[in-house]
Structure formats: structure tokens, C-alpha cells
Amino acid sequence: MRQIVQDSNEDEALFPSRKVRRIVGSMALAQLCGRGEAAIRKWDRRKSKGGTGGLVPAEFQARILAYAEENGLPLTARDLIAEPVP
């Protein structure tokens, strides 16, 4: 069986949670959201496995965007929203 490896840029496009974690940092993101780092990493899990399917929960999006703006981080609202996969 052939293994398919995705480019990390593609991976981030499909999983906004990974892009946000890479830009903001796991520890800072966890503190910002009032959660532990393990809880933040769970966002990458499938919904059936207790995660969010790679989505950033809406309750944290405004807070994350404000933090990114205050700290000059290259993060936009578009980065937090998953686009449909063709």
C-alpha cells in the first residue's frame, strides 16, 4: 500500500488549528484560551475522536485574532476558517 504524504502547507490549509499553533505557539495559545497544551492539540483530532477536526473553536477566534494583531503575528480571520476541500 502506498503512503500519501501531504505538503505541510496543504496540511495547514486543511487544518487551521495547526497553522494557528505554528504561528502563535502551543504554550501561548493554551494560555490565551485558558486550556492546557494537550487540549489545544486535540483540535487536530477527528470529531469522532473527541477533537474539532482541525477547526479552531469559534469561542476562541476573536481572542486569537486580537492577540495576533497586538503581537504583529501574520494571522488573519481567513487562516482560522477551513475552506471546503474539493
N, C-alpha and C. Protein backbone atom coordinates (compact mmCIF):
# COMPACT_ATOMS: atom_id res chain seq x y z
N MET A 1 0.84 -1.17 0.00
CA MET A 1 0.00 0.00 0.00
C MET A 1 0.89 1.23 0.00
N ARG A 2 0.52 2.20 -0.83
CA ARG A 2 1.30 3.42 -0.96
C ARG A 2 0.88 4.44 0.10
N GLN A 3 1.85 5.08 0.69
CA GLN A 3 1.55 6.11 1.69
C GLN A 3 1.56 7.46 1.00
N ILE A 4 0.55 8.25 1.29
CA ILE A 4 0.47 9.59 0.72
C ILE A 4 0.91 10.58 1.79
N VAL A 5 1.86 11.41 1.45
CA VAL A 5 2.38 12.41 2.37
C VAL A 5 1.98 13.78 1.85
N GLN A 6 1.31 14.54 2.70
CA GLN A 6 0.89 15.87 2.31
C GLN A 6 1.98 16.88 2.58
N ASP A 7 2.04 17.88 1.74
CA ASP A 7 2.91 19.02 1.95
C ASP A 7 2.43 19.74 3.21
N SER A 8 3.33 20.27 4.01
CA SER A 8 2.91 20.92 5.25
C SER A 8 2.03 22.13 4.98
N ASN A 9 2.23 22.82 3.85
CA ASN A 9 1.36 23.95 3.51
C ASN A 9 -0.05 23.47 3.25
N GLU A 10 -0.19 22.35 2.55
CA GLU A 10 -1.51 21.78 2.31
C GLU A 10 -2.14 21.37 3.63
N ASP A 11 -1.34 20.78 4.49
CA ASP A 11 -1.81 20.33 5.78
C ASP A 11 -2.37 21.49 6.58
N GLU A 12 -1.68 22.61 6.57
CA GLU A 12 -2.14 23.79 7.30
C GLU A 12 -3.40 24.36 6.68
N ALA A 13 -3.52 24.29 5.36
CA ALA A 13 -4.72 24.79 4.70
C ALA A 13 -5.93 23.96 5.11
N LEU A 14 -5.71 22.67 5.33
CA LEU A 14 -6.80 21.79 5.72
C LEU A 14 -7.06 21.81 7.22
N PHE A 15 -6.06 22.17 8.00
CA PHE A 15 -6.18 22.19 9.45
C PHE A 15 -5.78 23.55 10.00
N PRO A 16 -6.73 24.46 10.09
CA PRO A 16 -6.42 25.79 10.62
C PRO A 16 -5.80 25.71 12.03
N SER A 17 -6.18 24.73 12.80
CA SER A 17 -5.63 24.60 14.16
C SER A 17 -4.12 24.44 14.14
N ARG A 18 -3.60 23.75 13.15
CA ARG A 18 -2.14 23.56 13.07
C ARG A 18 -1.44 24.86 12.69
N LYS A 19 -2.05 25.60 11.76
CA LYS A 19 -1.45 26.86 11.34
C LYS A 19 -1.41 27.84 12.51
N VAL A 20 -2.51 27.93 13.24
CA VAL A 20 -2.58 28.83 14.38
C VAL A 20 -1.56 28.44 15.44
N ARG A 21 -1.44 27.15 15.69
CA ARG A 21 -0.47 26.68 16.69
C ARG A 21 0.96 26.99 16.25
N ARG A 22 1.23 26.86 14.96
CA ARG A 22 2.58 27.14 14.46
C ARG A 22 2.91 28.63 14.59
N ILE A 23 1.95 29.48 14.29
CA ILE A 23 2.20 30.92 14.32
C ILE A 23 2.21 31.48 15.74
N VAL A 24 1.24 31.10 16.54
CA VAL A 24 1.11 31.64 17.90
C VAL A 24 2.00 30.90 18.88
N GLY A 25 2.12 29.60 18.70
CA GLY A 25 2.87 28.76 19.63
C GLY A 25 1.92 28.03 20.56
N SER A 26 2.19 26.78 20.81
CA SER A 26 1.29 25.95 21.62
C SER A 26 1.07 26.49 23.02
N MET A 27 2.16 26.89 23.67
CA MET A 27 2.04 27.35 25.05
C MET A 27 1.25 28.66 25.12
N ALA A 28 1.59 29.60 24.24
CA ALA A 28 0.89 30.90 24.24
C ALA A 28 -0.58 30.70 23.90
N LEU A 29 -0.87 29.83 22.95
CA LEU A 29 -2.24 29.57 22.54
C LEU A 29 -3.03 28.93 23.68
N ALA A 30 -2.41 28.00 24.37
CA ALA A 30 -3.07 27.35 25.50
C ALA A 30 -3.40 28.37 26.60
N GLN A 31 -2.45 29.24 26.92
CA GLN A 31 -2.68 30.27 27.94
C GLN A 31 -3.76 31.24 27.49
N LEU A 32 -3.72 31.63 26.25
CA LEU A 32 -4.69 32.57 25.70
C LEU A 32 -6.11 32.02 25.77
N CYS A 33 -6.24 30.72 25.54
CA CYS A 33 -7.56 30.08 25.54
C CYS A 33 -7.95 29.50 26.90
N GLY A 34 -7.04 29.57 27.87
CA GLY A 34 -7.34 29.04 29.19
C GLY A 34 -7.46 27.52 29.20
N ARG A 35 -6.69 26.89 28.35
CA ARG A 35 -6.69 25.43 28.24
C ARG A 35 -5.25 24.92 28.34
N GLY A 36 -5.10 23.63 28.55
CA GLY A 36 -3.78 23.02 28.54
C GLY A 36 -3.32 22.78 27.11
N GLU A 37 -2.02 22.60 26.93
CA GLU A 37 -1.48 22.36 25.59
C GLU A 37 -2.07 21.09 24.97
N ALA A 38 -2.32 20.08 25.77
CA ALA A 38 -2.90 18.84 25.25
C ALA A 38 -4.30 19.10 24.68
N ALA A 39 -5.06 19.95 25.34
CA ALA A 39 -6.40 20.28 24.85
C ALA A 39 -6.33 21.01 23.52
N ILE A 40 -5.34 21.87 23.37
CA ILE A 40 -5.16 22.61 22.11
C ILE A 40 -4.78 21.65 20.98
N ARG A 41 -3.91 20.69 21.28
CA ARG A 41 -3.51 19.70 20.26
C ARG A 41 -4.67 18.82 19.85
N LYS A 42 -5.62 18.62 20.75
CA LYS A 42 -6.79 17.79 20.42
C LYS A 42 -7.63 18.40 19.31
N TRP A 43 -7.49 19.69 19.06
CA TRP A 43 -8.24 20.31 17.97
C TRP A 43 -7.94 19.62 16.64
N ASP A 44 -6.75 19.03 16.50
CA ASP A 44 -6.37 18.36 15.26
C ASP A 44 -7.07 17.01 15.07
N ARG A 45 -7.59 16.45 16.13
CA ARG A 45 -8.24 15.13 16.04
C ARG A 45 -9.57 15.20 15.32
N ARG A 46 -9.95 14.08 14.76
CA ARG A 46 -11.27 13.97 14.14
C ARG A 46 -12.34 14.20 15.20
N LYS A 47 -13.47 14.68 14.76
CA LYS A 47 -14.58 14.91 15.69
C LYS A 47 -14.99 13.60 16.36
N SER A 48 -14.94 12.51 15.62
CA SER A 48 -15.32 11.21 16.17
C SER A 48 -14.35 10.73 17.27
N LYS A 49 -13.17 11.36 17.32
CA LYS A 49 -12.17 11.01 18.33
C LYS A 49 -12.06 12.07 19.42
N GLY A 50 -13.05 12.96 19.49
CA GLY A 50 -13.07 13.96 20.55
C GLY A 50 -12.41 15.29 20.21
N GLY A 51 -12.03 15.47 18.95
CA GLY A 51 -11.41 16.73 18.55
C GLY A 51 -12.39 17.63 17.82
N THR A 52 -11.84 18.61 17.12
CA THR A 52 -12.67 19.53 16.36
C THR A 52 -12.47 19.36 14.86
N GLY A 53 -11.74 18.34 14.47
CA GLY A 53 -11.50 18.11 13.05
C GLY A 53 -10.56 19.13 12.44
N GLY A 54 -9.70 19.73 13.24
CA GLY A 54 -8.73 20.70 12.74
C GLY A 54 -9.24 22.13 12.76
N LEU A 55 -10.45 22.33 13.26
CA LEU A 55 -11.02 23.67 13.31
C LEU A 55 -10.68 24.35 14.64
N VAL A 56 -10.54 25.66 14.59
CA VAL A 56 -10.33 26.43 15.80
C VAL A 56 -11.72 26.78 16.34
N PRO A 57 -12.03 26.40 17.57
CA PRO A 57 -13.35 26.69 18.12
C PRO A 57 -13.69 28.18 18.02
N ALA A 58 -14.91 28.48 17.62
CA ALA A 58 -15.36 29.86 17.41
C ALA A 58 -15.20 30.70 18.67
N GLU A 59 -15.37 30.10 19.83
CA GLU A 59 -15.29 30.87 21.07
C GLU A 59 -13.91 31.48 21.30
N PHE A 60 -12.88 30.99 20.62
CA PHE A 60 -11.52 31.50 20.80
C PHE A 60 -11.03 32.35 19.64
N GLN A 61 -11.73 32.35 18.53
CA GLN A 61 -11.23 33.00 17.32
C GLN A 61 -10.96 34.49 17.49
N ALA A 62 -11.90 35.25 18.05
CA ALA A 62 -11.70 36.70 18.22
C ALA A 62 -10.51 36.98 19.14
N ARG A 63 -10.39 36.20 20.19
CA ARG A 63 -9.28 36.37 21.14
C ARG A 63 -7.94 36.11 20.46
N ILE A 64 -7.89 35.07 19.64
CA ILE A 64 -6.66 34.71 18.93
C ILE A 64 -6.30 35.80 17.92
N LEU A 65 -7.28 36.30 17.20
CA LEU A 65 -7.01 37.35 16.22
C LEU A 65 -6.54 38.64 16.89
N ALA A 66 -7.13 39.00 18.01
CA ALA A 66 -6.70 40.19 18.74
C ALA A 66 -5.26 40.03 19.22
N TYR A 67 -4.94 38.85 19.75
CA TYR A 67 -3.58 38.57 20.21
C TYR A 67 -2.59 38.67 19.05
N ALA A 68 -2.95 38.10 17.90
CA ALA A 68 -2.08 38.13 16.73
C ALA A 68 -1.84 39.57 16.28
N GLU A 69 -2.89 40.38 16.27
CA GLU A 69 -2.75 41.77 15.86
C GLU A 69 -1.87 42.55 16.83
N GLU A 70 -2.09 42.36 18.12
CA GLU A 70 -1.31 43.05 19.15
C GLU A 70 0.17 42.69 19.10
N ASN A 71 0.46 41.47 18.67
CA ASN A 71 1.84 40.99 18.66
C ASN A 71 2.46 40.94 17.27
N GLY A 72 1.77 41.51 16.29
CA GLY A 72 2.32 41.58 14.93
C GLY A 72 2.50 40.22 14.27
N LEU A 73 1.65 39.28 14.60
CA LEU A 73 1.76 37.94 14.02
C LEU A 73 0.97 37.87 12.70
N PRO A 74 1.49 37.16 11.71
CA PRO A 74 0.84 37.07 10.41
C PRO A 74 -0.33 36.09 10.42
N LEU A 75 -1.42 36.49 11.03
CA LEU A 75 -2.59 35.63 11.15
C LEU A 75 -3.83 36.45 10.85
N THR A 76 -4.69 35.92 10.00
CA THR A 76 -5.92 36.61 9.64
C THR A 76 -7.12 35.72 9.94
N ALA A 77 -8.30 36.32 9.86
CA ALA A 77 -9.52 35.55 10.07
C ALA A 77 -9.61 34.41 9.07
N ARG A 78 -9.16 34.65 7.86
CA ARG A 78 -9.19 33.61 6.82
C ARG A 78 -8.37 32.38 7.23
N ASP A 79 -7.31 32.61 7.99
CA ASP A 79 -6.47 31.50 8.45
C ASP A 79 -7.20 30.60 9.44
N LEU A 80 -8.19 31.16 10.13
CA LEU A 80 -8.92 30.40 11.15
C LEU A 80 -10.09 29.63 10.59
N ILE A 81 -10.43 29.91 9.35
CA ILE A 81 -11.63 29.30 8.76
C ILE A 81 -11.20 28.26 7.74
N ALA A 82 -11.71 27.06 7.90
CA ALA A 82 -11.41 25.99 6.95
C ALA A 82 -12.24 26.20 5.68
N GLU A 83 -11.61 25.99 4.55
CA GLU A 83 -12.32 26.07 3.28
C GLU A 83 -12.70 24.66 2.86
N PRO A 84 -13.79 24.52 2.13
CA PRO A 84 -14.19 23.19 1.68
C PRO A 84 -13.09 22.54 0.84
N VAL A 85 -12.90 21.26 1.06
CA VAL A 85 -11.92 20.50 0.30
C VAL A 85 -12.59 20.00 -0.97
N PRO A 86 -12.01 20.27 -2.15
CA PRO A 86 -12.66 19.85 -3.42
C PRO A 86 -12.78 18.35 -3.54
